[in-house]
Amino acid sequence: MRILYYDWDEFNGEDCRDAMIRLGHEVETIKGNLSSFEVTPDIEALFKKRFDRTDEDGKRHFDLVYSFDYYPNISEICQKYDMPYISWVFDCPHYTLDSHTNNNPVNHIYVFDRYLYDRLRGKDVSTVCYSPLGVNAKRLDALCKEIDAETGGKIVYQHDVCFLGSLYDNEYNFYDQVKYLPPELKEYIDLVIMAQEKIYGHDLFTDEKAVTDEHIKRLGQYIRFENTGKYEIDYDNVLRDVLRKKVTVNERRHIMEQMGANFDTVIYTNPDAKPIEGVSNLGIADYSTKMPRIFRKSKINLNIGLRCILSGVSLRVLDVLAAGGFLLTTYTEEIAEYFEDGKDLAIARTPEEMIAKAAYYLEHEDERKKIAINGQKKVYEQFAYTKLLPKILKI
């Protein structure tokens, strides 16, 4: 197939394009500023020029347009010119999925979280499909061999416990930026946030026994968003995501505080993040080269999941395992479905279990190494781009 690939400098774009080419597809990239999500004459002309290209037999040159994440303006242009559009969404939350364009017949939208898939299907979005995310197994396998060769085939660890990711203690922590909530409402919501931090596998913010529609309606009086009218955004769900993000802020800091108090612990995150006692902040790591090295050379890699991902396997889980790193992760339904606890990775169902399992696996090196090998093998076999793309590119 001939693929017109919209490149927005996403960190995994080169990996995906490499896999497409190895599968025998022709790939041409197109770039432009689509961040406003509007169809402008310049953007339409940019795509139309490619759509008008034909081969000697008069057949249109490109078979489809592809992008990571969903762009309503790409969908509108593809709809106008009858060009199939494939979108593979890895960001969560991703509110452009609420655009009125989501049911354009040219769309093939893939999401990695079954809860999100079910929610969109429940809203009669017929173009949404489900697929877990993927990795470039060939590149990472070669990089792992290169890393091991540097030390004579033996892994030389740099860290005991490592977390690579955002603490969200910045402008993205919207809950703490709210200037005022009625005291009784804030006290109740804070209690739910505290309770959610202890509960994995069940979302209290969609549980009417915990957070009712009336709670969300009241929150909406004090937490306001600009409603442009361009998208059919479910602002009640946005409010729930604000609360989920706050749970993530608390959970990541509290778990890292405990890790720092008990083990040699590092974090790779924004240098401006608020310090955590006992934890060294080593800054931001490059995705394609430095990050896999960190995962492979850490005895225990932590995945403290973003609570907006209600059931899916985040890309971070796959990144750690594909690099041959041992992963200790918080529970989600799909992680437990795809991977076996104690065989492919380690799953914690409470914050206390996170600490206990870290202590256990630091003491059991042979078991930890065997699990890391199994996890890497499973990701290569089931989550390589070359395994997933044939289904996704089928139109």
Protein backbone atom coordinates (compact mmCIF):
# COMPACT_ATOMS: atom_id res chain seq x y z
CA MET A 1 0.00 0.00 0.00
CA ARG A 2 0.98 3.63 -0.47
CA ILE A 3 0.58 5.51 2.79
CA LEU A 4 0.52 9.28 3.25
CA TYR A 5 1.78 9.61 6.81
CA TYR A 6 1.04 12.79 8.77
CA ASP A 7 4.18 13.46 10.82
CA TRP A 8 3.75 15.76 13.84
CA ASP A 9 7.14 14.88 15.31
CA GLU A 10 5.59 12.31 17.63
CA PHE A 11 8.28 10.31 19.44
CA ASN A 12 7.24 6.93 18.00
CA GLY A 13 6.69 8.01 14.40
CA GLU A 14 10.02 6.84 13.03
CA ASP A 15 9.55 3.41 14.63
CA CYS A 16 6.12 3.02 13.05
CA ARG A 17 7.20 4.15 9.60
CA ASP A 18 10.15 1.75 9.70
CA ALA A 19 7.78 -1.13 10.42
CA MET A 20 5.43 -0.05 7.62
CA ILE A 21 8.30 -0.07 5.14
CA ARG A 22 9.51 -3.47 6.35
CA LEU A 23 5.99 -4.77 5.76
CA GLY A 24 6.33 -3.73 2.13
CA HIS A 25 4.39 -0.46 2.14
CA GLU A 26 5.46 2.78 0.51
CA VAL A 27 5.42 5.65 3.00
CA GLU A 28 5.57 9.37 2.29
CA THR A 29 5.40 11.88 5.12
CA ILE A 30 3.46 15.13 5.15
CA LYS A 31 3.94 17.88 7.71
CA GLY A 32 1.99 21.00 8.59
CA ASN A 33 0.58 22.89 11.54
CA LEU A 34 -2.74 21.18 12.23
CA SER A 35 -2.86 22.01 15.94
CA SER A 36 -5.94 24.24 15.64
CA PHE A 37 -7.84 21.23 14.22
CA GLU A 38 -9.48 23.59 11.70
CA VAL A 39 -9.56 23.08 7.94
CA THR A 40 -7.86 26.12 6.42
CA PRO A 41 -7.29 26.70 2.68
CA ASP A 42 -3.54 26.13 3.17
CA ILE A 43 -4.03 22.82 4.98
CA GLU A 44 -6.57 21.59 2.44
CA ALA A 45 -4.24 22.52 -0.42
CA LEU A 46 -1.39 20.68 1.30
CA PHE A 47 -3.33 17.41 1.29
CA LYS A 48 -5.17 17.93 -2.00
CA LYS A 49 -1.85 18.21 -3.83
CA ARG A 50 -1.02 14.66 -2.70
CA PHE A 51 -4.53 13.37 -3.32
CA ASP A 52 -4.43 14.64 -6.91
CA ARG A 53 -1.28 12.67 -7.69
CA THR A 54 -1.96 9.77 -10.04
CA ASP A 55 0.02 6.89 -11.52
CA GLU A 56 0.46 6.15 -15.22
CA ASP A 57 -2.79 4.18 -15.28
CA GLY A 58 -4.67 7.16 -13.90
CA LYS A 59 -5.22 5.54 -10.52
CA ARG A 60 -4.86 7.74 -7.45
CA HIS A 61 -1.37 7.31 -6.01
CA PHE A 62 -2.10 7.11 -2.26
CA ASP A 63 -4.31 4.45 -0.72
CA LEU A 64 -4.80 6.05 2.69
CA VAL A 65 -3.78 8.75 5.16
CA TYR A 66 -2.35 7.69 8.53
CA SER A 67 -1.67 9.56 11.76
CA PHE A 68 -0.99 8.81 15.38
CA ASP A 69 -3.82 10.44 17.36
CA TYR A 70 -6.99 11.78 15.77
CA TYR A 71 -7.07 15.00 13.76
CA PRO A 72 -10.59 16.23 12.92
CA ASN A 73 -9.26 18.45 10.11
CA ILE A 74 -7.52 15.51 8.44
CA SER A 75 -10.78 13.58 8.70
CA GLU A 76 -12.76 16.42 7.12
CA ILE A 77 -10.35 16.74 4.22
CA CYS A 78 -10.25 12.97 3.69
CA GLN A 79 -14.05 12.87 3.78
CA LYS A 80 -14.26 15.60 1.14
CA TYR A 81 -11.89 13.76 -1.21
CA ASP A 82 -13.00 10.22 -0.32
CA MET A 83 -9.64 9.14 1.09
CA PRO A 84 -9.50 6.50 3.86
CA TYR A 85 -8.09 7.91 7.11
CA ILE A 86 -6.51 5.67 9.76
CA SER A 87 -5.84 7.12 13.19
CA TRP A 88 -4.12 5.17 16.00
CA VAL A 89 -4.63 6.99 19.30
CA PHE A 90 -2.00 6.62 22.03
CA ASP A 91 -2.75 9.75 24.07
CA CYS A 92 -5.21 9.54 26.93
CA PRO A 93 -7.30 11.55 27.44
CA HIS A 94 -7.73 12.57 23.80
CA TYR A 95 -10.66 14.94 23.47
CA THR A 96 -10.61 15.37 19.68
CA LEU A 97 -12.33 11.97 19.66
CA ASP A 98 -15.44 13.92 20.67
CA SER A 99 -15.39 15.88 17.41
CA HIS A 100 -18.51 15.74 15.27
CA THR A 101 -16.21 14.38 12.53
CA ASN A 102 -15.60 11.10 14.34
CA ASN A 103 -18.34 9.28 12.40
CA ASN A 104 -17.08 10.31 8.96
CA PRO A 105 -17.28 7.09 6.90
CA VAL A 106 -13.63 7.41 5.78
CA ASN A 107 -12.43 7.08 9.39
CA HIS A 108 -10.80 4.03 10.94
CA ILE A 109 -10.00 5.14 14.51
CA TYR A 110 -8.07 2.75 16.77
CA VAL A 111 -7.97 3.22 20.55
CA PHE A 112 -5.98 1.11 23.04
CA ASP A 113 -8.32 1.27 26.04
CA ARG A 114 -11.39 -0.98 25.95
CA TYR A 115 -13.27 1.26 28.37
CA LEU A 116 -12.79 4.17 25.97
CA TYR A 117 -13.77 1.95 23.04
CA ASP A 118 -16.98 0.94 24.81
CA ARG A 119 -17.76 4.57 25.75
CA LEU A 120 -17.40 5.74 22.15
CA ARG A 121 -19.40 2.83 20.81
CA GLY A 122 -22.05 3.65 23.40
CA LYS A 123 -22.20 7.13 21.84
CA ASP A 124 -22.82 5.50 18.43
CA VAL A 125 -19.34 6.18 17.04
CA SER A 126 -19.28 3.42 14.45
CA THR A 127 -15.78 4.13 13.11
CA VAL A 128 -13.89 3.34 16.33
CA CYS A 129 -11.92 0.10 16.65
CA TYR A 130 -9.75 -1.45 19.34
CA SER A 131 -6.06 -2.31 19.22
CA PRO A 132 -3.33 -2.39 21.85
CA LEU A 133 -0.33 -0.18 21.19
CA GLY A 134 2.93 -1.37 19.64
CA VAL A 135 6.73 -1.10 19.61
CA ASN A 136 9.51 -1.47 17.06
CA ALA A 137 10.81 -4.85 18.16
CA LYS A 138 13.58 -4.97 15.57
CA ARG A 139 15.14 -1.67 16.63
CA LEU A 140 14.89 -2.41 20.34
CA ASP A 141 16.27 -5.93 19.99
CA ALA A 142 19.32 -4.56 18.16
CA LEU A 143 19.75 -1.83 20.79
CA CYS A 144 19.57 -4.36 23.63
CA LYS A 145 22.29 -6.45 22.01
CA GLU A 146 24.40 -3.32 21.57
CA ILE A 147 23.96 -2.37 25.25
CA ASP A 148 24.91 -5.84 26.44
CA ALA A 149 27.91 -6.00 24.11
CA GLU A 150 29.29 -2.85 25.73
CA THR A 151 29.65 -4.75 29.00
CA GLY A 152 30.68 -8.13 27.66
CA GLY A 153 27.18 -9.58 27.45
CA LYS A 154 26.34 -8.87 31.09
CA ILE A 155 23.80 -6.31 32.26
CA VAL A 156 25.46 -3.73 34.51
CA TYR A 157 22.76 -2.04 36.54
CA GLN A 158 22.78 1.70 37.18
CA HIS A 159 19.67 1.95 39.37
CA ASP A 160 17.82 -0.23 41.85
CA VAL A 161 14.38 1.40 41.50
CA CYS A 162 13.55 3.75 38.64
CA PHE A 163 10.46 5.68 37.56
CA LEU A 164 10.45 7.49 34.22
CA GLY A 165 7.48 9.76 33.73
CA SER A 166 5.71 12.95 34.70
CA LEU A 167 4.65 13.82 38.24
CA TYR A 168 2.03 16.23 36.80
CA ASP A 169 2.75 18.70 39.62
CA ASN A 170 2.62 21.54 37.10
CA GLU A 171 0.09 23.37 34.95
CA TYR A 172 -1.50 20.02 34.04
CA ASN A 173 -2.68 19.51 37.61
CA PHE A 174 -5.89 21.44 37.05
CA TYR A 175 -7.59 20.43 40.29
CA ASP A 176 -5.09 22.26 42.47
CA GLN A 177 -5.51 25.37 40.32
CA VAL A 178 -9.20 25.72 41.19
CA LYS A 179 -9.47 28.91 43.22
CA TYR A 180 -12.61 28.01 45.11
CA LEU A 181 -14.86 25.06 45.87
CA PRO A 182 -17.53 25.04 48.59
CA PRO A 183 -15.85 23.51 51.66
CA GLU A 184 -18.27 20.59 52.00
CA LEU A 185 -17.91 19.72 48.28
CA LYS A 186 -14.12 19.94 48.34
CA GLU A 187 -13.93 17.86 51.52
CA TYR A 188 -16.03 15.12 49.94
CA ILE A 189 -14.18 15.10 46.61
CA ASP A 190 -10.83 15.04 48.44
CA LEU A 191 -12.02 11.96 50.36
CA VAL A 192 -12.95 10.22 47.08
CA ILE A 193 -9.56 11.14 45.60
CA MET A 194 -7.86 9.68 48.67
CA ALA A 195 -9.95 6.51 48.45
CA GLN A 196 -9.30 6.09 44.71
CA GLU A 197 -5.57 6.18 45.36
CA LYS A 198 -5.99 2.93 47.33
CA ILE A 199 -8.27 1.20 44.82
CA TYR A 200 -7.06 -0.32 41.53
CA GLY A 201 -9.26 -1.73 38.81
CA HIS A 202 -12.38 0.23 39.75
CA ASP A 203 -13.00 3.87 38.83
CA LEU A 204 -14.85 5.73 41.58
CA PHE A 205 -15.49 8.73 39.34
CA THR A 206 -17.88 6.73 37.14
CA ASP A 207 -19.41 4.96 40.14
CA GLU A 208 -22.69 6.64 41.06
CA LYS A 209 -22.30 5.35 44.61
CA ALA A 210 -19.17 7.50 44.99
CA VAL A 211 -19.46 10.45 42.59
CA THR A 212 -22.93 11.30 41.38
CA ASP A 213 -23.99 13.39 38.41
CA GLU A 214 -25.00 16.03 40.92
CA HIS A 215 -21.42 16.15 42.27
CA ILE A 216 -20.10 16.67 38.75
CA LYS A 217 -22.75 19.30 38.02
CA ARG A 218 -21.70 21.24 41.11
CA LEU A 219 -18.01 20.94 40.23
CA GLY A 220 -18.84 22.30 36.79
CA GLN A 221 -20.05 25.52 38.39
CA TYR A 222 -16.53 26.20 39.68
CA ILE A 223 -14.29 24.42 37.16
CA ARG A 224 -15.08 25.92 33.78
CA PHE A 225 -13.80 25.19 30.29
CA GLU A 226 -14.04 27.21 27.12
CA ASN A 227 -16.82 25.74 25.02
CA THR A 228 -16.08 26.67 21.41
CA GLY A 229 -18.93 24.59 20.06
CA LYS A 230 -16.58 22.92 17.57
CA TYR A 231 -16.62 19.54 19.29
CA GLU A 232 -19.24 17.53 21.10
CA ILE A 233 -16.99 17.31 24.16
CA ASP A 234 -18.37 15.50 27.17
CA TYR A 235 -17.41 18.12 29.75
CA ASP A 236 -18.63 15.92 32.58
CA ASN A 237 -16.00 13.37 31.55
CA VAL A 238 -13.39 16.15 31.34
CA LEU A 239 -14.17 16.98 34.96
CA ARG A 240 -13.78 13.35 35.90
CA ASP A 241 -10.41 13.30 34.13
CA VAL A 242 -9.33 16.35 36.16
CA LEU A 243 -10.04 14.34 39.30
CA ARG A 244 -8.29 11.25 37.91
CA LYS A 245 -5.23 13.35 37.11
CA LYS A 246 -5.20 14.59 40.71
CA VAL A 247 -5.26 10.98 41.92
CA THR A 248 -2.25 10.32 39.68
CA VAL A 249 -0.42 13.34 41.12
CA ASN A 250 -0.95 12.11 44.67
CA GLU A 251 -0.31 8.46 43.92
CA ARG A 252 2.95 8.95 42.07
CA ARG A 253 4.35 11.23 44.75
CA HIS A 254 3.28 9.01 47.65
CA ILE A 255 4.63 5.82 46.07
CA MET A 256 7.89 7.51 45.15
CA GLU A 257 8.25 8.86 48.69
CA GLN A 258 7.97 5.32 50.00
CA MET A 259 10.38 4.00 47.39
CA GLY A 260 12.88 6.72 48.29
CA ALA A 261 12.59 5.91 51.98
CA ASN A 262 13.30 2.21 51.42
CA PHE A 263 15.46 1.78 48.31
CA ASP A 264 18.06 3.45 46.10
CA THR A 265 15.54 5.26 43.90
CA VAL A 266 15.75 7.61 40.92
CA ILE A 267 13.23 9.41 38.77
CA TYR A 268 13.59 10.72 35.22
CA THR A 269 11.21 13.64 34.88
CA ASN A 270 11.01 17.39 34.37
CA PRO A 271 13.91 19.05 36.22
CA ASP A 272 11.46 21.61 37.63
CA ALA A 273 9.36 18.94 39.36
CA LYS A 274 8.95 19.33 43.11
CA PRO A 275 11.70 17.32 44.85
CA ILE A 276 10.94 14.02 46.56
CA GLU A 277 13.02 13.21 49.61
CA GLY A 278 15.34 10.27 49.02
CA VAL A 279 14.77 10.28 45.25
CA SER A 280 17.27 11.66 42.73
CA ASN A 281 15.76 13.50 39.75
CA LEU A 282 17.95 12.80 36.73
CA GLY A 283 15.97 14.89 34.24
CA ILE A 284 14.25 14.03 30.97
CA ALA A 285 15.41 11.03 28.91
CA ASP A 286 15.35 10.82 25.11
CA TYR A 287 12.74 8.29 23.95
CA SER A 288 14.61 6.40 21.25
CA THR A 289 18.11 6.01 22.69
CA LYS A 290 18.50 6.93 26.36
CA MET A 291 15.17 5.64 27.62
CA PRO A 292 15.65 1.99 26.57
CA ARG A 293 19.10 2.02 28.17
CA ILE A 294 17.63 3.25 31.44
CA PHE A 295 14.98 0.53 31.42
CA ARG A 296 17.47 -2.22 30.66
CA LYS A 297 19.94 -1.03 33.30
CA SER A 298 17.43 -0.61 36.13
CA LYS A 299 16.72 -3.53 38.43
CA ILE A 300 13.11 -2.44 38.88
CA ASN A 301 11.19 -0.10 36.56
CA LEU A 302 7.96 1.32 37.93
CA ASN A 303 4.81 2.02 35.98
CA ILE A 304 2.46 4.07 38.16
CA GLY A 305 -0.35 4.31 35.68
CA LEU A 306 -2.20 7.45 34.63
CA ARG A 307 -5.66 7.05 36.13
CA CYS A 308 -7.32 8.41 32.98
CA ILE A 309 -6.37 5.07 31.37
CA LEU A 310 -9.16 3.00 32.85
CA SER A 311 -8.38 -0.43 31.41
CA GLY A 312 -5.67 -0.28 28.72
CA VAL A 313 -1.98 -1.12 28.48
CA SER A 314 -0.07 2.16 28.26
CA LEU A 315 2.84 2.57 25.88
CA ARG A 316 5.18 2.89 28.88
CA VAL A 317 4.46 -0.71 29.87
CA LEU A 318 5.46 -1.92 26.41
CA ASP A 319 8.50 0.38 26.26
CA VAL A 320 9.95 -1.06 29.48
CA LEU A 321 9.34 -4.69 28.56
CA ALA A 322 10.57 -4.30 24.98
CA ALA A 323 13.88 -2.93 26.30
CA GLY A 324 14.30 -6.05 28.42
CA GLY A 325 13.58 -4.21 31.65
CA PHE A 326 11.86 -5.73 34.66
CA LEU A 327 8.52 -3.97 35.22
CA LEU A 328 6.56 -3.49 38.42
CA THR A 329 3.25 -1.90 37.47
CA THR A 330 -0.01 -0.80 39.01
CA TYR A 331 -2.98 -2.92 37.97
CA THR A 332 -5.30 -2.40 35.04
CA GLU A 333 -7.67 -4.98 33.62
CA GLU A 334 -5.88 -5.28 30.28
CA ILE A 335 -2.39 -5.48 31.78
CA ALA A 336 -3.58 -8.48 33.79
CA GLU A 337 -5.25 -9.90 30.67
CA TYR A 338 -2.24 -9.65 28.37
CA PHE A 339 0.55 -10.35 30.88
CA GLU A 340 0.93 -12.91 33.65
CA ASP A 341 1.85 -11.55 37.07
CA GLY A 342 5.10 -13.09 38.29
CA LYS A 343 5.94 -14.47 34.84
CA ASP A 344 6.03 -11.53 32.38
CA LEU A 345 6.05 -8.65 34.87
CA ALA A 346 4.90 -7.88 38.40
CA ILE A 347 1.51 -6.33 39.14
CA ALA A 348 0.60 -4.44 42.29
CA ARG A 349 -3.03 -4.05 43.31
CA THR A 350 -2.38 -1.68 46.22
CA PRO A 351 0.30 0.93 46.98
CA GLU A 352 1.50 -1.27 49.85
CA GLU A 353 1.92 -4.21 47.48
CA MET A 354 4.00 -1.96 45.21
CA ILE A 355 6.54 -1.45 48.01
CA ALA A 356 6.47 -5.09 49.11
CA LYS A 357 7.04 -6.42 45.61
CA ALA A 358 9.87 -3.98 44.99
CA ALA A 359 11.60 -5.30 48.13
CA TYR A 360 10.99 -8.91 47.10
CA TYR A 361 12.32 -8.63 43.57
CA LEU A 362 15.38 -6.65 44.61
CA GLU A 363 16.27 -9.68 46.74
CA HIS A 364 15.50 -12.29 44.06
CA GLU A 365 17.69 -11.39 41.11
CA ASP A 366 17.46 -14.65 39.15
CA GLU A 367 13.67 -14.60 39.31
CA ARG A 368 13.61 -10.92 38.31
CA LYS A 369 15.88 -11.50 35.30
CA LYS A 370 13.80 -14.47 34.11
CA ILE A 371 10.61 -12.39 34.29
CA ALA A 372 12.24 -9.58 32.30
CA ILE A 373 13.23 -12.04 29.56
CA ASN A 374 9.69 -13.45 29.42
CA GLY A 375 8.14 -9.99 29.27
CA GLN A 376 10.38 -8.91 26.42
CA LYS A 377 9.62 -12.07 24.48
CA LYS A 378 5.88 -11.61 24.86
CA VAL A 379 6.00 -7.99 23.69
CA TYR A 380 8.09 -8.93 20.65
CA GLU A 381 5.68 -11.73 19.78
CA GLN A 382 2.38 -9.92 20.35
CA PHE A 383 2.95 -6.15 20.36
CA ALA A 384 5.49 -5.53 17.60
CA TYR A 385 4.31 -3.02 15.01
CA THR A 386 4.81 -5.68 12.35
CA LYS A 387 2.28 -7.87 14.21
CA LEU A 388 -0.35 -5.15 14.72
CA LEU A 389 -0.13 -2.96 11.61
CA PRO A 390 -1.51 -5.54 9.12
CA LYS A 391 -4.84 -5.39 10.93
CA ILE A 392 -4.79 -1.62 11.43
CA LEU A 393 -3.89 -0.86 7.82
CA LYS A 394 -6.60 -3.13 6.48
CA ILE A 395 -9.24 -0.83 4.95
